[in-house]
C-alpha cells in the first residue's frame, strides 16, 4: 500500500470532516438492489483505463471542478466518488461540495477494497 505524507493525510482528514462517506460494501449492496447509481471515478486517465467499477464514469480529480457542471448539472443528484483508496475521492467530494453539490459522497476504500472484496471490475482497455 502506498505511503502518504503526513501533510497529505492531514488535508484528507480535514476534507473527511466536511463530507459524507460510504463504503464499498454499501455501494455493492445498492448495485445488487438495482439502484441506478452515478459512480464517478476520479483517478488518473491511465488508472481508469486499466481497471474500474463497471458502469462508472471518469472525471479525474484534476478536472472535476472544471467539468462537473457540464456532466451533472443537478447539484442535488447523488454522486458517488471513487478513487484508489478513498483519499482523492474525499478531496474531490469536498471540492464539488464547495461548488454547491449537496450529495457528493466519497467511497471509502475505493477500487482497492472493491476489488479485494471480489466485486466485479472492468479491465478492458478503453
N, C-alpha and C. Protein backbone atom coordinates (compact mmCIF):
# COMPACT_ATOMS: atom_id res chain seq x y z
N UNK A 1 0.84 -1.18 0.00
CA UNK A 1 0.00 0.00 0.00
C UNK A 1 0.88 1.24 0.00
N UNK A 2 0.44 2.27 -0.70
CA UNK A 2 1.21 3.49 -0.84
C UNK A 2 1.32 4.22 0.49
N UNK A 3 2.52 4.76 0.75
CA UNK A 3 2.73 5.58 1.93
C UNK A 3 2.46 7.03 1.55
N UNK A 4 1.60 7.67 2.30
CA UNK A 4 1.25 9.06 2.03
C UNK A 4 1.93 9.96 3.06
N UNK A 5 2.24 11.17 2.64
CA UNK A 5 2.89 12.12 3.55
C UNK A 5 1.90 12.56 4.63
N UNK A 6 2.42 12.94 5.79
CA UNK A 6 1.54 13.42 6.86
C UNK A 6 0.73 14.64 6.44
N UNK A 7 1.31 15.51 5.63
CA UNK A 7 0.60 16.71 5.20
C UNK A 7 -0.59 16.34 4.31
N UNK A 8 -0.38 15.40 3.39
CA UNK A 8 -1.48 14.94 2.54
C UNK A 8 -2.58 14.32 3.38
N UNK A 9 -2.21 13.46 4.31
CA UNK A 9 -3.21 12.81 5.16
C UNK A 9 -3.98 13.82 6.00
N UNK A 10 -3.31 14.89 6.43
CA UNK A 10 -4.00 15.93 7.20
C UNK A 10 -5.04 16.65 6.35
N UNK A 11 -4.70 16.91 5.09
CA UNK A 11 -5.66 17.55 4.18
C UNK A 11 -6.86 16.64 3.97
N UNK A 12 -6.59 15.36 3.78
CA UNK A 12 -7.68 14.40 3.57
C UNK A 12 -8.58 14.35 4.80
N UNK A 13 -7.99 14.32 5.98
CA UNK A 13 -8.79 14.25 7.21
C UNK A 13 -9.66 15.50 7.39
N UNK A 14 -9.14 16.66 7.02
CA UNK A 14 -9.95 17.87 7.10
C UNK A 14 -11.13 17.79 6.13
N UNK A 15 -10.87 17.25 4.94
CA UNK A 15 -11.95 17.07 3.97
C UNK A 15 -12.98 16.09 4.49
N UNK A 16 -12.51 14.99 5.05
CA UNK A 16 -13.44 13.97 5.57
C UNK A 16 -14.36 14.51 6.65
N UNK A 17 -13.89 15.49 7.38
CA UNK A 17 -14.73 16.08 8.43
C UNK A 17 -15.89 16.88 7.85
N UNK A 18 -15.78 17.24 6.57
CA UNK A 18 -16.80 18.10 5.94
C UNK A 18 -17.71 17.36 4.96
N UNK A 19 -17.43 16.10 4.67
CA UNK A 19 -18.16 15.40 3.62
C UNK A 19 -18.89 14.18 4.17
N UNK A 20 -19.70 13.60 3.28
CA UNK A 20 -20.33 12.31 3.57
C UNK A 20 -19.46 11.21 2.97
N UNK A 21 -19.43 10.08 3.64
CA UNK A 21 -18.72 8.91 3.11
C UNK A 21 -19.61 7.69 3.21
N UNK A 22 -19.32 6.74 2.36
CA UNK A 22 -19.93 5.42 2.40
C UNK A 22 -18.80 4.43 2.17
N UNK A 23 -19.12 3.16 2.16
CA UNK A 23 -18.06 2.18 1.88
C UNK A 23 -18.44 1.30 0.70
N UNK A 24 -17.48 0.53 0.23
CA UNK A 24 -17.69 -0.27 -0.98
C UNK A 24 -18.79 -1.30 -0.79
N UNK A 25 -18.96 -1.82 0.41
CA UNK A 25 -19.97 -2.84 0.66
C UNK A 25 -21.38 -2.25 0.54
N UNK A 26 -21.55 -1.04 1.04
CA UNK A 26 -22.86 -0.38 0.92
C UNK A 26 -23.17 -0.07 -0.55
N UNK A 27 -22.15 0.36 -1.30
CA UNK A 27 -22.35 0.64 -2.72
C UNK A 27 -22.70 -0.64 -3.46
N UNK A 28 -21.98 -1.73 -3.18
CA UNK A 28 -22.26 -3.00 -3.86
C UNK A 28 -23.66 -3.49 -3.54
N UNK A 29 -24.11 -3.33 -2.31
CA UNK A 29 -25.47 -3.73 -1.93
C UNK A 29 -26.50 -2.93 -2.73
N UNK A 30 -26.24 -1.66 -2.93
CA UNK A 30 -27.15 -0.83 -3.70
C UNK A 30 -27.14 -1.23 -5.17
N UNK A 31 -25.97 -1.56 -5.70
CA UNK A 31 -25.87 -2.05 -7.08
C UNK A 31 -26.67 -3.34 -7.22
N UNK A 32 -26.48 -4.27 -6.28
CA UNK A 32 -27.20 -5.55 -6.32
C UNK A 32 -28.71 -5.36 -6.18
N UNK A 33 -29.10 -4.28 -5.52
CA UNK A 33 -30.51 -3.97 -5.33
C UNK A 33 -31.12 -3.31 -6.56
N UNK A 34 -30.28 -3.04 -7.57
CA UNK A 34 -30.77 -2.46 -8.80
C UNK A 34 -30.93 -0.96 -8.79
N UNK A 35 -30.38 -0.31 -7.79
CA UNK A 35 -30.49 1.15 -7.73
C UNK A 35 -29.67 1.78 -8.85
N UNK A 36 -30.23 2.78 -9.51
CA UNK A 36 -29.44 3.50 -10.52
C UNK A 36 -28.50 4.48 -9.82
N UNK A 37 -27.22 4.18 -9.87
CA UNK A 37 -26.22 5.00 -9.18
C UNK A 37 -25.32 5.71 -10.17
N UNK A 38 -24.86 6.88 -9.78
CA UNK A 38 -23.83 7.58 -10.54
C UNK A 38 -22.54 7.42 -9.74
N UNK A 39 -21.62 6.64 -10.30
CA UNK A 39 -20.32 6.42 -9.68
C UNK A 39 -19.29 7.13 -10.55
N UNK A 40 -18.63 8.13 -9.96
CA UNK A 40 -17.62 8.90 -10.68
C UNK A 40 -16.24 8.50 -10.19
N UNK A 41 -15.43 8.01 -11.10
CA UNK A 41 -14.06 7.62 -10.79
C UNK A 41 -13.17 8.83 -11.00
N UNK A 42 -12.49 9.28 -9.95
CA UNK A 42 -11.68 10.49 -10.02
C UNK A 42 -10.19 10.21 -10.19
N UNK A 43 -9.84 8.96 -10.48
CA UNK A 43 -8.43 8.63 -10.66
C UNK A 43 -7.91 9.17 -11.99
N UNK A 44 -6.63 9.00 -12.21
CA UNK A 44 -5.99 9.44 -13.45
C UNK A 44 -6.49 8.61 -14.63
N UNK A 45 -6.35 9.15 -15.83
CA UNK A 45 -6.83 8.50 -17.06
C UNK A 45 -6.33 7.07 -17.18
N UNK A 46 -5.04 6.86 -17.01
CA UNK A 46 -4.47 5.51 -17.18
C UNK A 46 -4.98 4.54 -16.12
N UNK A 47 -5.19 5.02 -14.91
CA UNK A 47 -5.73 4.16 -13.86
C UNK A 47 -7.14 3.71 -14.22
N UNK A 48 -7.95 4.65 -14.68
CA UNK A 48 -9.33 4.33 -15.05
C UNK A 48 -9.36 3.36 -16.23
N UNK A 49 -8.49 3.58 -17.21
CA UNK A 49 -8.46 2.72 -18.39
C UNK A 49 -8.07 1.29 -18.02
N UNK A 50 -7.23 1.14 -17.01
CA UNK A 50 -6.73 -0.19 -16.64
C UNK A 50 -7.75 -1.02 -15.86
N UNK A 51 -8.48 -0.38 -14.95
CA UNK A 51 -9.42 -1.11 -14.09
C UNK A 51 -10.39 -0.13 -13.48
N UNK A 52 -11.68 -0.52 -13.44
CA UNK A 52 -12.69 0.38 -12.90
C UNK A 52 -13.93 -0.40 -12.47
N UNK A 53 -14.76 0.23 -11.69
CA UNK A 53 -16.04 -0.34 -11.29
C UNK A 53 -16.95 -0.30 -12.52
N UNK A 54 -17.60 -1.41 -12.84
CA UNK A 54 -18.50 -1.42 -14.01
C UNK A 54 -19.55 -0.31 -13.92
N UNK A 55 -19.72 0.39 -15.02
CA UNK A 55 -20.71 1.45 -15.08
C UNK A 55 -20.25 2.80 -14.57
N UNK A 56 -19.05 2.84 -14.01
CA UNK A 56 -18.56 4.13 -13.50
C UNK A 56 -18.17 5.03 -14.66
N UNK A 57 -18.23 6.33 -14.40
CA UNK A 57 -17.81 7.31 -15.39
C UNK A 57 -16.54 7.98 -14.89
N UNK A 58 -15.76 8.48 -15.82
CA UNK A 58 -14.48 9.06 -15.45
C UNK A 58 -14.51 10.58 -15.50
N UNK A 59 -14.17 11.18 -14.39
CA UNK A 59 -13.95 12.62 -14.29
C UNK A 59 -12.79 12.78 -13.31
N UNK A 60 -11.59 12.86 -13.82
CA UNK A 60 -10.41 12.88 -12.98
C UNK A 60 -10.39 14.04 -12.00
N UNK A 61 -9.74 13.81 -10.88
CA UNK A 61 -9.64 14.82 -9.84
C UNK A 61 -9.04 16.12 -10.37
N UNK A 62 -8.18 16.03 -11.34
CA UNK A 62 -7.56 17.21 -11.89
C UNK A 62 -8.49 18.11 -12.69
N UNK A 63 -9.64 17.57 -13.10
CA UNK A 63 -10.57 18.37 -13.93
C UNK A 63 -12.00 18.38 -13.40
N UNK A 64 -12.25 17.72 -12.30
CA UNK A 64 -13.63 17.57 -11.86
C UNK A 64 -14.31 18.91 -11.58
N UNK A 65 -13.60 19.84 -10.96
CA UNK A 65 -14.22 21.13 -10.67
C UNK A 65 -14.56 21.88 -11.97
N UNK A 66 -13.72 21.72 -12.96
CA UNK A 66 -13.95 22.40 -14.24
C UNK A 66 -15.12 21.78 -15.00
N UNK A 67 -15.26 20.44 -14.96
CA UNK A 67 -16.17 19.72 -15.84
C UNK A 67 -17.44 19.19 -15.21
N UNK A 68 -17.55 19.18 -13.89
CA UNK A 68 -18.66 18.52 -13.22
C UNK A 68 -20.02 19.09 -13.64
N UNK A 69 -20.12 20.40 -13.77
CA UNK A 69 -21.42 21.01 -14.07
C UNK A 69 -21.91 20.66 -15.46
N UNK A 70 -21.00 20.48 -16.40
CA UNK A 70 -21.40 20.09 -17.76
C UNK A 70 -21.93 18.67 -17.79
N UNK A 71 -21.38 17.79 -16.97
CA UNK A 71 -21.79 16.39 -16.95
C UNK A 71 -22.95 16.12 -16.01
N UNK A 72 -22.98 16.83 -14.89
CA UNK A 72 -24.00 16.61 -13.87
C UNK A 72 -24.51 17.97 -13.36
N UNK A 73 -25.41 18.58 -14.12
CA UNK A 73 -25.87 19.93 -13.75
C UNK A 73 -26.75 19.98 -12.50
N UNK A 74 -27.39 18.86 -12.14
CA UNK A 74 -28.26 18.83 -10.97
C UNK A 74 -27.39 18.74 -9.71
N UNK A 75 -27.30 19.82 -8.99
CA UNK A 75 -26.43 19.86 -7.81
C UNK A 75 -26.99 19.11 -6.61
N UNK A 76 -28.19 18.54 -6.76
CA UNK A 76 -28.78 17.76 -5.68
C UNK A 76 -28.82 16.27 -6.01
N UNK A 77 -28.27 15.90 -7.15
CA UNK A 77 -28.17 14.49 -7.54
C UNK A 77 -27.08 13.81 -6.71
N UNK A 78 -27.34 12.60 -6.28
CA UNK A 78 -26.32 11.87 -5.54
C UNK A 78 -25.20 11.46 -6.50
N UNK A 79 -23.97 11.75 -6.10
CA UNK A 79 -22.79 11.40 -6.86
C UNK A 79 -21.83 10.65 -5.94
N UNK A 80 -21.55 9.40 -6.28
CA UNK A 80 -20.62 8.59 -5.50
C UNK A 80 -19.25 8.71 -6.15
N UNK A 81 -18.28 9.20 -5.40
CA UNK A 81 -16.94 9.43 -5.92
C UNK A 81 -16.00 8.34 -5.43
N UNK A 82 -15.25 7.77 -6.37
CA UNK A 82 -14.36 6.67 -6.04
C UNK A 82 -12.97 6.95 -6.60
N UNK A 83 -11.96 6.49 -5.89
CA UNK A 83 -10.58 6.56 -6.37
C UNK A 83 -9.91 5.24 -6.00
N UNK A 84 -8.63 5.24 -5.82
CA UNK A 84 -7.93 4.01 -5.50
C UNK A 84 -8.17 3.53 -4.08
N UNK A 85 -8.23 4.46 -3.12
CA UNK A 85 -8.37 4.05 -1.73
C UNK A 85 -9.30 4.90 -0.89
N UNK A 86 -9.79 6.00 -1.43
CA UNK A 86 -10.72 6.84 -0.69
C UNK A 86 -10.18 8.19 -0.30
N UNK A 87 -8.92 8.47 -0.65
CA UNK A 87 -8.34 9.76 -0.29
C UNK A 87 -8.66 10.83 -1.33
N UNK A 88 -8.33 10.56 -2.59
CA UNK A 88 -8.61 11.54 -3.64
C UNK A 88 -10.11 11.77 -3.80
N UNK A 89 -10.90 10.73 -3.59
CA UNK A 89 -12.35 10.91 -3.69
C UNK A 89 -12.87 11.80 -2.58
N UNK A 90 -12.28 11.74 -1.40
CA UNK A 90 -12.67 12.64 -0.31
C UNK A 90 -12.35 14.08 -0.66
N UNK A 91 -11.16 14.30 -1.23
CA UNK A 91 -10.78 15.65 -1.64
C UNK A 91 -11.70 16.17 -2.74
N UNK A 92 -12.02 15.31 -3.70
CA UNK A 92 -12.91 15.71 -4.80
C UNK A 92 -14.32 15.99 -4.30
N UNK A 93 -14.82 15.16 -3.38
CA UNK A 93 -16.15 15.38 -2.81
C UNK A 93 -16.20 16.71 -2.08
N UNK A 94 -15.16 17.03 -1.34
CA UNK A 94 -15.08 18.29 -0.63
C UNK A 94 -15.10 19.46 -1.62
N UNK A 95 -14.34 19.34 -2.70
CA UNK A 95 -14.26 20.42 -3.69
C UNK A 95 -15.61 20.68 -4.35
N UNK A 96 -16.28 19.61 -4.80
CA UNK A 96 -17.54 19.86 -5.51
C UNK A 96 -18.66 20.21 -4.53
N UNK A 97 -18.53 19.78 -3.29
CA UNK A 97 -19.50 20.22 -2.28
C UNK A 97 -19.39 21.73 -2.11
N UNK A 98 -18.18 22.27 -2.15
CA UNK A 98 -17.99 23.72 -2.05
C UNK A 98 -18.60 24.44 -3.25
N UNK A 99 -18.81 23.71 -4.36
CA UNK A 99 -19.44 24.27 -5.55
C UNK A 99 -20.96 24.16 -5.49
N UNK A 100 -21.48 23.59 -4.41
CA UNK A 100 -22.93 23.51 -4.24
C UNK A 100 -23.52 22.12 -4.40
N UNK A 101 -22.70 21.11 -4.67
CA UNK A 101 -23.21 19.74 -4.79
C UNK A 101 -23.50 19.20 -3.39
N UNK A 102 -24.77 18.95 -3.13
CA UNK A 102 -25.21 18.62 -1.77
C UNK A 102 -25.13 17.14 -1.45
N UNK A 103 -24.96 16.30 -2.48
CA UNK A 103 -24.96 14.85 -2.24
C UNK A 103 -23.73 14.20 -2.87
N UNK A 104 -22.58 14.84 -2.71
CA UNK A 104 -21.31 14.27 -3.16
C UNK A 104 -20.80 13.37 -2.04
N UNK A 105 -20.66 12.09 -2.33
CA UNK A 105 -20.31 11.10 -1.30
C UNK A 105 -19.06 10.35 -1.73
N UNK A 106 -18.06 10.34 -0.87
CA UNK A 106 -16.83 9.63 -1.13
C UNK A 106 -16.97 8.17 -0.72
N UNK A 107 -16.45 7.27 -1.57
CA UNK A 107 -16.50 5.83 -1.28
C UNK A 107 -15.18 5.44 -0.61
N UNK A 108 -15.22 5.25 0.69
CA UNK A 108 -14.03 4.90 1.46
C UNK A 108 -13.53 3.52 1.05
N UNK A 109 -12.25 3.39 0.88
CA UNK A 109 -11.65 2.12 0.46
C UNK A 109 -11.45 2.03 -1.03
N UNK A 110 -12.26 2.77 -1.78
CA UNK A 110 -12.10 2.88 -3.22
C UNK A 110 -12.01 1.56 -3.97
N UNK A 111 -11.42 1.65 -5.14
CA UNK A 111 -11.31 0.50 -6.02
C UNK A 111 -10.49 -0.62 -5.39
N UNK A 112 -9.52 -0.27 -4.56
CA UNK A 112 -8.68 -1.30 -3.93
C UNK A 112 -9.54 -2.24 -3.09
N UNK A 113 -10.37 -1.70 -2.20
CA UNK A 113 -11.21 -2.57 -1.36
C UNK A 113 -12.32 -3.22 -2.16
N UNK A 114 -12.83 -2.52 -3.19
CA UNK A 114 -13.84 -3.10 -4.07
C UNK A 114 -13.30 -4.38 -4.69
N UNK A 115 -12.11 -4.31 -5.25
CA UNK A 115 -11.51 -5.47 -5.90
C UNK A 115 -11.12 -6.55 -4.88
N UNK A 116 -10.59 -6.15 -3.73
CA UNK A 116 -10.21 -7.11 -2.69
C UNK A 116 -11.42 -7.88 -2.18
N UNK A 117 -12.59 -7.26 -2.20
CA UNK A 117 -13.82 -7.92 -1.77
C UNK A 117 -14.35 -8.90 -2.82
N UNK A 118 -13.71 -8.92 -3.99
CA UNK A 118 -14.12 -9.82 -5.05
C UNK A 118 -15.27 -9.29 -5.90
N UNK A 119 -15.56 -7.99 -5.76
CA UNK A 119 -16.62 -7.39 -6.56
C UNK A 119 -16.12 -7.22 -8.00
N UNK A 120 -17.03 -7.18 -8.96
CA UNK A 120 -16.62 -7.14 -10.37
C UNK A 120 -15.91 -5.84 -10.73
N UNK A 121 -14.92 -5.96 -11.60
CA UNK A 121 -14.24 -4.81 -12.17
C UNK A 121 -14.15 -4.99 -13.67
N UNK A 122 -14.18 -3.87 -14.37
CA UNK A 122 -13.93 -3.88 -15.80
C UNK A 122 -12.44 -3.67 -15.99
N UNK A 123 -11.82 -4.52 -16.81
CA UNK A 123 -10.39 -4.40 -17.05
C UNK A 123 -10.07 -4.27 -18.54
N UNK A 124 -11.09 -4.13 -19.35
CA UNK A 124 -10.87 -3.97 -20.78
C UNK A 124 -10.33 -2.58 -21.05
N UNK A 125 -9.40 -2.48 -21.96
CA UNK A 125 -8.86 -1.16 -22.33
C UNK A 125 -9.96 -0.31 -22.94
N UNK A 126 -9.92 0.95 -22.63
CA UNK A 126 -10.92 1.88 -23.16
C UNK A 126 -10.34 2.55 -24.40
